[in-house]
Amino acid sequence: MAETGYGASRSSLRETLKWLTTVLTALGAALAAGATVSGLGGLSVDDRQDAMWGGGIAMVAILIAIAILVRLLTVSPFYLDDLLADTRLTAEIEKRKLEVLAPGTNTVANLKKKLQDAVRDVAARPDDEPTKAIYRAVSTEANQVVDLAAFLSLAKKVRCGMIWLGLLALIAFGGLAWFGYVIGRAAAAKPAPVAAVLQPGAGWAEVAAALSKECGDGPFAVTLAAQTGLTKGWTTTVTAPRCAGVAVTVPEALVTVTKP
């Protein structure tokens, strides 16, 4: 049987919370996968620590947000006595009495008494149709009031939860932004390789000594990248088939760039 009225509104609100939970779970999974794909292991120690701080903060914020949403979704049954125990919610319901309470029922306490009386009368006269009709009318009225109260109670919790979710979203986006910045910074810091040829010249003896065991005489086809830091030269990986994988540092004077 499909829900109607305030019960349907409450279900709709819970469906929205489920959607948010699914989105946050997917975001957390994407962050974990992104950390793997982006190759944290290939970063320097400092860059890896910086990236892990940003990603870790974002992940913790996402997990806390999911926990808040799950708590909101874990709703206990709501009864008329629960409504009477919450004076603020009772007052809010009674402001809407024209919409939800029958004529002559001015308060939620009156409604409870009417329901108790109807239950007692039905128990005393179970075959009396007018008595059963009165019970059905009062029961419907009580259910409508409880549905409204349950919706308002959940909506209040959601409003409070959204404040925390907004704060956690800012923290998570900040962490993700820092994570992306560190990955981008590390990628930009890596020198771009160029195609070049090594030619004999000043300093060749040192380079030749490092390469002669594997490669013999030059010239050699190599892939190079300009070295950073104080050392002047190129970080070189030899690509010739007979000595592929050999890596040395080569003085600039020995390098002839063939392709940028």
C-alpha atoms as a PDB file:
ATOM      1  CA  MET A   1       0.000   0.000   0.000  1.00  0.00           C
ATOM      2  CA  ALA A   2       1.470   3.342  -1.081  1.00  0.00           C
ATOM      3  CA  GLU A   3       2.139   5.967   1.544  1.00  0.00           C
ATOM      4  CA  THR A   4       0.322   9.263   1.337  1.00  0.00           C
ATOM      5  CA  GLY A   5       0.504  12.630   3.038  1.00  0.00           C
ATOM      6  CA  TYR A   6       3.165  13.236   5.677  1.00  0.00           C
ATOM      7  CA  GLY A   7       4.286   9.600   5.667  1.00  0.00           C
ATOM      8  CA  ALA A   8       5.164   9.937   1.975  1.00  0.00           C
ATOM      9  CA  SER A   9       7.005  13.195   2.683  1.00  0.00           C
ATOM     10  CA  ARG A  10       9.090  11.464   5.326  1.00  0.00           C
ATOM     11  CA  SER A  11       9.893   8.614   2.939  1.00  0.00           C
ATOM     12  CA  SER A  12      10.893  11.111   0.257  1.00  0.00           C
ATOM     13  CA  LEU A  13      13.243  12.848   2.683  1.00  0.00           C
ATOM     14  CA  ARG A  14      14.800   9.504   3.609  1.00  0.00           C
ATOM     15  CA  GLU A  15      15.288   8.680  -0.093  1.00  0.00           C
ATOM     16  CA  THR A  16      17.175  11.971  -0.480  1.00  0.00           C
ATOM     17  CA  LEU A  17      19.417  10.999   2.438  1.00  0.00           C
ATOM     18  CA  LYS A  18      20.041   7.597   0.835  1.00  0.00           C
ATOM     19  CA  TRP A  19      21.050   9.342  -2.396  1.00  0.00           C
ATOM     20  CA  LEU A  20      23.500  11.579  -0.522  1.00  0.00           C
ATOM     21  CA  THR A  21      24.964   8.538   1.215  1.00  0.00           C
ATOM     22  CA  THR A  22      25.463   6.792  -2.133  1.00  0.00           C
ATOM     23  CA  VAL A  23      27.142   9.869  -3.638  1.00  0.00           C
ATOM     24  CA  LEU A  24      29.520  10.253  -0.692  1.00  0.00           C
ATOM     25  CA  THR A  25      30.385   6.545  -0.749  1.00  0.00           C
ATOM     26  CA  ALA A  26      31.183   6.792  -4.466  1.00  0.00           C
ATOM     27  CA  LEU A  27      33.297   9.892  -3.828  1.00  0.00           C
ATOM     28  CA  GLY A  28      35.258   8.080  -1.122  1.00  0.00           C
ATOM     29  CA  ALA A  29      35.838   5.109  -3.440  1.00  0.00           C
ATOM     30  CA  ALA A  30      36.942   7.454  -6.233  1.00  0.00           C
ATOM     31  CA  LEU A  31      39.401   9.147  -3.862  1.00  0.00           C
ATOM     32  CA  ALA A  32      40.868   5.800  -2.815  1.00  0.00           C
ATOM     33  CA  ALA A  33      41.147   4.686  -6.455  1.00  0.00           C
ATOM     34  CA  GLY A  34      42.620   8.039  -7.461  1.00  0.00           C
ATOM     35  CA  ALA A  35      45.321   7.752  -4.820  1.00  0.00           C
ATOM     36  CA  THR A  36      46.286   4.378  -6.287  1.00  0.00           C
ATOM     37  CA  VAL A  37      46.123   5.421  -9.947  1.00  0.00           C
ATOM     38  CA  SER A  38      47.994   8.680  -9.369  1.00  0.00           C
ATOM     39  CA  GLY A  39      50.947   6.651  -8.140  1.00  0.00           C
ATOM     40  CA  LEU A  40      51.689   7.919  -4.652  1.00  0.00           C
ATOM     41  CA  GLY A  41      54.550   5.447  -4.541  1.00  0.00           C
ATOM     42  CA  GLY A  42      56.316   7.362  -7.307  1.00  0.00           C
ATOM     43  CA  LEU A  43      56.354  10.643  -5.372  1.00  0.00           C
ATOM     44  CA  SER A  44      59.125  11.931  -3.188  1.00  0.00           C
ATOM     45  CA  VAL A  45      58.766  11.315   0.546  1.00  0.00           C
ATOM     46  CA  ASP A  46      57.729  14.923   1.219  1.00  0.00           C
ATOM     47  CA  ASP A  47      55.246  15.038  -1.661  1.00  0.00           C
ATOM     48  CA  ARG A  48      53.789  11.674  -0.679  1.00  0.00           C
ATOM     49  CA  GLN A  49      53.294  12.821   2.915  1.00  0.00           C
ATOM     50  CA  ASP A  50      51.658  16.062   1.738  1.00  0.00           C
ATOM     51  CA  ALA A  51      49.325  14.193  -0.626  1.00  0.00           C
ATOM     52  CA  MET A  52      48.418  11.640   2.051  1.00  0.00           C
ATOM     53  CA  TRP A  53      47.558  14.408   4.507  1.00  0.00           C
ATOM     54  CA  GLY A  54      45.181  16.021   2.013  1.00  0.00           C
ATOM     55  CA  GLY A  55      43.646  12.727   0.891  1.00  0.00           C
ATOM     56  CA  GLY A  56      43.413  11.441   4.473  1.00  0.00           C
ATOM     57  CA  ILE A  57      41.624  14.558   5.717  1.00  0.00           C
ATOM     58  CA  ALA A  58      39.176  14.349   2.806  1.00  0.00           C
ATOM     59  CA  MET A  59      38.544  10.636   3.426  1.00  0.00           C
ATOM     60  CA  VAL A  60      37.933  11.133   7.164  1.00  0.00           C
ATOM     61  CA  ALA A  61      35.506  13.992   6.447  1.00  0.00           C
ATOM     62  CA  ILE A  62      33.636  11.817   3.919  1.00  0.00           C
ATOM     63  CA  LEU A  63      33.418   8.884   6.363  1.00  0.00           C
ATOM     64  CA  ILE A  64      32.085  11.135   9.148  1.00  0.00           C
ATOM     65  CA  ALA A  65      29.501  12.582   6.739  1.00  0.00           C
ATOM     66  CA  ILE A  66      28.409   9.053   5.755  1.00  0.00           C
ATOM     67  CA  ALA A  67      28.108   8.139   9.460  1.00  0.00           C
ATOM     68  CA  ILE A  68      25.864  11.183  10.054  1.00  0.00           C
ATOM     69  CA  LEU A  69      23.643  10.236   7.118  1.00  0.00           C
ATOM     70  CA  VAL A  70      23.408   6.601   8.228  1.00  0.00           C
ATOM     71  CA  ARG A  71      22.398   7.772  11.694  1.00  0.00           C
ATOM     72  CA  LEU A  72      19.673   9.953  10.186  1.00  0.00           C
ATOM     73  CA  LEU A  73      18.462   7.012   8.113  1.00  0.00           C
ATOM     74  CA  THR A  74      18.335   4.726  11.142  1.00  0.00           C
ATOM     75  CA  VAL A  75      14.969   5.970  12.376  1.00  0.00           C
ATOM     76  CA  SER A  76      13.193   4.348  15.307  1.00  0.00           C
ATOM     77  CA  PRO A  77       9.390   3.885  15.195  1.00  0.00           C
ATOM     78  CA  PHE A  78       7.536   7.025  16.226  1.00  0.00           C
ATOM     79  CA  TYR A  79       4.510   6.791  18.539  1.00  0.00           C
ATOM     80  CA  LEU A  80       1.945   9.151  20.004  1.00  0.00           C
ATOM     81  CA  ASP A  81       3.689   8.975  23.380  1.00  0.00           C
ATOM     82  CA  ASP A  82       6.952  10.089  21.715  1.00  0.00           C
ATOM     83  CA  LEU A  83       5.124  13.140  20.428  1.00  0.00           C
ATOM     84  CA  LEU A  84       3.658  13.955  23.853  1.00  0.00           C
ATOM     85  CA  ALA A  85       7.149  13.662  25.390  1.00  0.00           C
ATOM     86  CA  ASP A  86       8.435  16.404  23.045  1.00  0.00           C
ATOM     87  CA  THR A  87       6.689  19.593  24.156  1.00  0.00           C
ATOM     88  CA  ARG A  88       8.204  21.700  21.381  1.00  0.00           C
ATOM     89  CA  LEU A  89       7.046  19.294  18.689  1.00  0.00           C
ATOM     90  CA  THR A  90       3.620  18.973  20.331  1.00  0.00           C
ATOM     91  CA  ALA A  91       3.214  22.755  20.266  1.00  0.00           C
ATOM     92  CA  GLU A  92       4.168  22.805  16.583  1.00  0.00           C
ATOM     93  CA  ILE A  93       1.569  20.128  15.803  1.00  0.00           C
ATOM     94  CA  GLU A  94      -1.141  21.967  17.712  1.00  0.00           C
ATOM     95  CA  LYS A  95      -0.445  25.103  15.654  1.00  0.00           C
ATOM     96  CA  ARG A  96      -1.572  23.019  12.674  1.00  0.00           C
ATOM     97  CA  LYS A  97      -4.636  21.560  14.415  1.00  0.00           C
ATOM     98  CA  LEU A  98      -6.985  22.813  11.713  1.00  0.00           C
ATOM     99  CA  GLU A  99      -5.113  20.656   9.205  1.00  0.00           C
ATOM    100  CA  VAL A 100      -4.560  17.476  11.207  1.00  0.00           C
ATOM    101  CA  LEU A 101      -6.934  17.403  14.201  1.00  0.00           C
ATOM    102  CA  ALA A 102     -10.635  16.725  13.975  1.00  0.00           C
ATOM    103  CA  PRO A 103     -13.120  19.373  15.210  1.00  0.00           C
ATOM    104  CA  GLY A 104     -13.263  19.259  18.991  1.00  0.00           C
ATOM    105  CA  THR A 105      -9.755  17.801  19.315  1.00  0.00           C
ATOM    106  CA  ASN A 106      -7.764  20.829  20.389  1.00  0.00           C
ATOM    107  CA  THR A 107      -4.629  19.157  21.727  1.00  0.00           C
ATOM    108  CA  VAL A 108      -2.569  16.026  21.196  1.00  0.00           C
ATOM    109  CA  ALA A 109      -3.438  14.994  24.779  1.00  0.00           C
ATOM    110  CA  ASN A 110      -7.154  15.149  23.834  1.00  0.00           C
ATOM    111  CA  LEU A 111      -6.411  12.979  20.800  1.00  0.00           C
ATOM    112  CA  LYS A 112      -4.703  10.350  22.940  1.00  0.00           C
ATOM    113  CA  LYS A 113      -7.675  10.287  25.329  1.00  0.00           C
ATOM    114  CA  LYS A 114     -10.091   9.935  22.375  1.00  0.00           C
ATOM    115  CA  LEU A 115      -8.044   7.024  21.053  1.00  0.00           C
ATOM    116  CA  GLN A 116      -7.940   5.322  24.453  1.00  0.00           C
ATOM    117  CA  ASP A 117     -11.706   5.740  24.827  1.00  0.00           C
ATOM    118  CA  ALA A 118     -12.306   4.365  21.302  1.00  0.00           C
ATOM    119  CA  VAL A 119     -10.120   1.332  21.978  1.00  0.00           C
ATOM    120  CA  ARG A 120     -11.965   0.685  25.265  1.00  0.00           C
ATOM    121  CA  ASP A 121     -15.375   1.008  23.570  1.00  0.00           C
ATOM    122  CA  VAL A 122     -14.437  -1.387  20.760  1.00  0.00           C
ATOM    123  CA  ALA A 123     -13.136  -3.891  23.271  1.00  0.00           C
ATOM    124  CA  ALA A 124     -16.435  -3.641  25.164  1.00  0.00           C
ATOM    125  CA  ARG A 125     -18.672  -3.758  22.024  1.00  0.00           C
ATOM    126  CA  PRO A 126     -16.666  -5.490  19.271  1.00  0.00           C
ATOM    127  CA  ASP A 127     -19.746  -6.105  17.075  1.00  0.00           C
ATOM    128  CA  ASP A 128     -21.142  -2.580  17.232  1.00  0.00           C
ATOM    129  CA  GLU A 129     -20.592  -0.936  13.818  1.00  0.00           C
ATOM    130  CA  PRO A 130     -20.976   2.714  14.978  1.00  0.00           C
ATOM    131  CA  THR A 131     -18.395   2.077  17.708  1.00  0.00           C
ATOM    132  CA  LYS A 132     -15.977   0.523  15.201  1.00  0.00           C
ATOM    133  CA  ALA A 133     -16.523   3.455  12.813  1.00  0.00           C
ATOM    134  CA  ILE A 134     -15.635   5.912  15.585  1.00  0.00           C
ATOM    135  CA  TYR A 135     -12.497   3.894  16.370  1.00  0.00           C
ATOM    136  CA  ARG A 136     -11.422   3.881  12.691  1.00  0.00           C
ATOM    137  CA  ALA A 137     -11.908   7.644  12.423  1.00  0.00           C
ATOM    138  CA  VAL A 138      -9.927   8.365  15.598  1.00  0.00           C
ATOM    139  CA  SER A 139      -7.202   5.874  14.604  1.00  0.00           C
ATOM    140  CA  THR A 140      -6.864   7.541  11.191  1.00  0.00           C
ATOM    141  CA  GLU A 141      -6.613  10.941  12.857  1.00  0.00           C
ATOM    142  CA  ALA A 142      -3.939   9.655  15.257  1.00  0.00           C
ATOM    143  CA  ASN A 143      -1.938   8.073  12.428  1.00  0.00           C
ATOM    144  CA  GLN A 144      -2.019  11.325  10.482  1.00  0.00           C
ATOM    145  CA  VAL A 145      -0.774  13.256  13.495  1.00  0.00           C
ATOM    146  CA  VAL A 146       1.998  10.716  14.165  1.00  0.00           C
ATOM    147  CA  ASP A 147       3.054  10.816  10.484  1.00  0.00           C
ATOM    148  CA  LEU A 148       3.303  14.605  10.627  1.00  0.00           C
ATOM    149  CA  ALA A 149       5.217  14.497  13.903  1.00  0.00           C
ATOM    150  CA  ALA A 150       7.655  11.887  12.556  1.00  0.00           C
ATOM    151  CA  PHE A 151       8.238  13.985   9.421  1.00  0.00           C
ATOM    152  CA  LEU A 152       8.835  17.177  11.409  1.00  0.00           C
ATOM    153  CA  SER A 153      11.156  15.345  13.804  1.00  0.00           C
ATOM    154  CA  LEU A 154      13.247  13.929  10.946  1.00  0.00           C
ATOM    155  CA  ALA A 155      13.279  17.274   9.130  1.00  0.00           C
ATOM    156  CA  LYS A 156      14.596  18.956  12.273  1.00  0.00           C
ATOM    157  CA  LYS A 157      17.375  16.367  12.599  1.00  0.00           C
ATOM    158  CA  VAL A 158      18.236  16.771   8.916  1.00  0.00           C
ATOM    159  CA  ARG A 159      18.502  20.564   9.272  1.00  0.00           C
ATOM    160  CA  CYS A 160      20.917  20.145  12.177  1.00  0.00           C
ATOM    161  CA  GLY A 161      22.810  17.440  10.288  1.00  0.00           C
ATOM    162  CA  MET A 162      23.131  19.611   7.172  1.00  0.00           C
ATOM    163  CA  ILE A 163      25.112  22.194   9.136  1.00  0.00           C
ATOM    164  CA  TRP A 164      27.687  19.529   9.964  1.00  0.00           C
ATOM    165  CA  LEU A 165      27.533  18.079   6.458  1.00  0.00           C
ATOM    166  CA  GLY A 166      28.224  21.506   4.966  1.00  0.00           C
ATOM    167  CA  LEU A 167      31.247  21.968   7.226  1.00  0.00           C
ATOM    168  CA  LEU A 168      32.506  18.469   6.413  1.00  0.00           C
ATOM    169  CA  ALA A 169      32.012  19.142   2.685  1.00  0.00           C
ATOM    170  CA  LEU A 170      34.257  22.209   2.928  1.00  0.00           C
ATOM    171  CA  ILE A 171      36.906  20.175   4.768  1.00  0.00           C
ATOM    172  CA  ALA A 172      36.664  17.322   2.239  1.00  0.00           C
ATOM    173  CA  PHE A 173      36.909  19.646  -0.772  1.00  0.00           C
ATOM    174  CA  GLY A 174      39.877  21.399   0.853  1.00  0.00           C
ATOM    175  CA  GLY A 175      41.607  18.054   1.371  1.00  0.00           C
ATOM    176  CA  LEU A 176      40.866  16.965  -2.205  1.00  0.00           C
ATOM    177  CA  ALA A 177      42.143  20.287  -3.567  1.00  0.00           C
ATOM    178  CA  TRP A 178      45.384  19.912  -1.610  1.00  0.00           C
ATOM    179  CA  PHE A 179      45.727  16.283  -2.763  1.00  0.00           C
ATOM    180  CA  GLY A 180      45.295  17.334  -6.406  1.00  0.00           C
ATOM    181  CA  TYR A 181      47.673  20.268  -5.981  1.00  0.00           C
ATOM    182  CA  VAL A 182      50.458  18.064  -4.583  1.00  0.00           C
ATOM    183  CA  ILE A 183      50.017  15.475  -7.366  1.00  0.00           C
ATOM    184  CA  GLY A 184      50.083  18.251  -9.973  1.00  0.00           C
ATOM    185  CA  ARG A 185      53.069  19.944  -8.359  1.00  0.00           C
ATOM    186  CA  ALA A 186      55.022  16.689  -8.359  1.00  0.00           C
ATOM    187  CA  ALA A 187      54.127  16.019 -12.004  1.00  0.00           C
ATOM    188  CA  ALA A 188      55.180  19.531 -13.029  1.00  0.00           C
ATOM    189  CA  ALA A 189      58.484  19.173 -11.179  1.00  0.00           C
ATOM    190  CA  LYS A 190      59.469  16.086 -13.178  1.00  0.00           C
ATOM    191  CA  PRO A 191      61.682  17.165 -16.094  1.00  0.00           C
ATOM    192  CA  ALA A 192      60.304  16.377 -19.534  1.00  0.00           C
ATOM    193  CA  PRO A 193      62.385  13.813 -21.478  1.00  0.00           C
ATOM    194  CA  VAL A 194      63.932  14.732 -24.843  1.00  0.00           C
ATOM    195  CA  ALA A 195      65.533  12.689 -27.622  1.00  0.00           C
ATOM    196  CA  ALA A 196      69.275  13.304 -27.864  1.00  0.00           C
ATOM    197  CA  VAL A 197      72.626  11.799 -28.848  1.00  0.00           C
ATOM    198  CA  LEU A 198      75.786  11.568 -26.715  1.00  0.00           C
ATOM    199  CA  GLN A 199      78.912  12.754 -28.524  1.00  0.00           C
ATOM    200  CA  PRO A 200      82.507  12.415 -27.225  1.00  0.00           C
ATOM    201  CA  GLY A 201      83.962  15.587 -25.716  1.00  0.00           C
ATOM    202  CA  ALA A 202      85.211  17.071 -22.442  1.00  0.00           C
ATOM    203  CA  GLY A 203      84.195  14.736 -19.638  1.00  0.00           C
ATOM    204  CA  TRP A 204      83.544  11.872 -22.011  1.00  0.00           C
ATOM    205  CA  ALA A 205      86.023   9.568 -20.255  1.00  0.00           C
ATOM    206  CA  GLU A 206      83.920   9.488 -17.058  1.00  0.00           C
ATOM    207  CA  VAL A 207      80.717   8.829 -18.962  1.00  0.00           C
ATOM    208  CA  ALA A 208      82.416   6.264 -21.224  1.00  0.00           C
ATOM    209  CA  ALA A 209      83.734   4.432 -18.187  1.00  0.00           C
ATOM    210  CA  ALA A 210      80.204   4.154 -16.826  1.00  0.00           C
ATOM    211  CA  LEU A 211      78.822   2.950 -20.156  1.00  0.00           C
ATOM    212  CA  SER A 212      81.633   0.940 -21.741  1.00  0.00           C
ATOM    213  CA  LYS A 213      80.979  -2.184 -19.748  1.00  0.00           C
ATOM    214  CA  GLU A 214      77.415  -2.455 -21.093  1.00  0.00           C
ATOM    215  CA  CYS A 215      77.432  -0.490 -24.327  1.00  0.00           C
ATOM    216  CA  GLY A 216      80.898  -0.270 -25.869  1.00  0.00           C
ATOM    217  CA  ASP A 217      81.676   2.756 -28.071  1.00  0.00           C
ATOM    218  CA  GLY A 218      79.265   5.685 -28.752  1.00  0.00           C
ATOM    219  CA  PRO A 219      77.332   7.488 -30.066  1.00  0.00           C
ATOM    220  CA  PHE A 220      74.346   6.194 -28.110  1.00  0.00           C
ATOM    221  CA  ALA A 221      70.632   6.769 -28.615  1.00  0.00           C
ATOM    222  CA  VAL A 222      69.364   8.013 -25.247  1.00  0.00           C
ATOM    223  CA  THR A 223      66.385   9.575 -23.553  1.00  0.00           C
ATOM    224  CA  LEU A 224      67.386  12.492 -21.362  1.00  0.00           C
ATOM    225  CA  ALA A 225      65.795  14.900 -18.913  1.00  0.00           C
ATOM    226  CA  ALA A 226      67.397  18.081 -17.595  1.00  0.00           C
ATOM    227  CA  GLN A 227      68.584  17.537 -14.048  1.00  0.00           C
ATOM    228  CA  THR A 228      67.265  19.781 -11.268  1.00  0.00           C
ATOM    229  CA  GLY A 229      69.189  20.991  -8.238  1.00  0.00           C
ATOM    230  CA  LEU A 230      72.848  21.990  -8.066  1.00  0.00           C
ATOM    231  CA  THR A 231      74.243  19.331 -10.404  1.00  0.00           C
ATOM    232  CA  LYS A 232      74.782  20.647 -13.935  1.00  0.00           C
ATOM    233  CA  GLY A 233      73.905  18.014 -16.500  1.00  0.00           C
ATOM    234  CA  TRP A 234      71.312  15.547 -17.726  1.00  0.00           C
ATOM    235  CA  THR A 235      69.762  12.460 -16.184  1.00  0.00           C
ATOM    236  CA  THR A 236      70.199   9.913 -18.941  1.00  0.00           C
ATOM    237  CA  THR A 237      68.624   6.544 -19.705  1.00  0.00           C
ATOM    238  CA  VAL A 238      70.274   4.730 -22.622  1.00  0.00           C
ATOM    239  CA  THR A 239      67.755   3.251 -25.061  1.00  0.00           C
ATOM    240  CA  ALA A 240      70.112   1.368 -27.375  1.00  0.00           C
ATOM    241  CA  PRO A 241      69.016  -2.318 -27.412  1.00  0.00           C
ATOM    242  CA  ARG A 242      72.407  -3.652 -26.301  1.00  0.00           C
ATOM    243  CA  CYS A 243      72.476  -1.524 -23.126  1.00  0.00           C
ATOM    244  CA  ALA A 244      68.875  -0.475 -22.496  1.00  0.00           C
ATOM    245  CA  GLY A 245      68.097   0.704 -18.982  1.00  0.00           C
ATOM    246  CA  VAL A 246      71.549   2.016 -18.055  1.00  0.00           C
ATOM    247  CA  ALA A 247      71.187   5.401 -16.316  1.00  0.00           C
ATOM    248  CA  VAL A 248      74.005   7.965 -15.852  1.00  0.00           C
ATOM    249  CA  THR A 249      74.469  11.688 -15.316  1.00  0.00           C
ATOM    250  CA  VAL A 250      76.018  13.320 -18.399  1.00  0.00           C
ATOM    251  CA  PRO A 251      77.718  16.763 -18.649  1.00  0.00           C
ATOM    252  CA  GLU A 252      75.922  19.217 -20.918  1.00  0.00           C
ATOM    253  CA  ALA A 253      78.875  19.414 -23.313  1.00  0.00           C
ATOM    254  CA  LEU A 254      78.341  15.813 -24.355  1.00  0.00           C
ATOM    255  CA  VAL A 255      74.645  16.116 -25.195  1.00  0.00           C
ATOM    256  CA  THR A 256      73.308  16.941 -28.652  1.00  0.00           C
ATOM    257  CA  VAL A 257      69.526  17.318 -28.590  1.00  0.00           C
ATOM    258  CA  THR A 258      67.943  15.858 -31.709  1.00  0.00           C
ATOM    259  CA  LYS A 259      64.290  16.326 -30.803  1.00  0.00           C
ATOM    260  CA  PRO A 260      62.782  18.628 -28.112  1.00  0.00           C
END
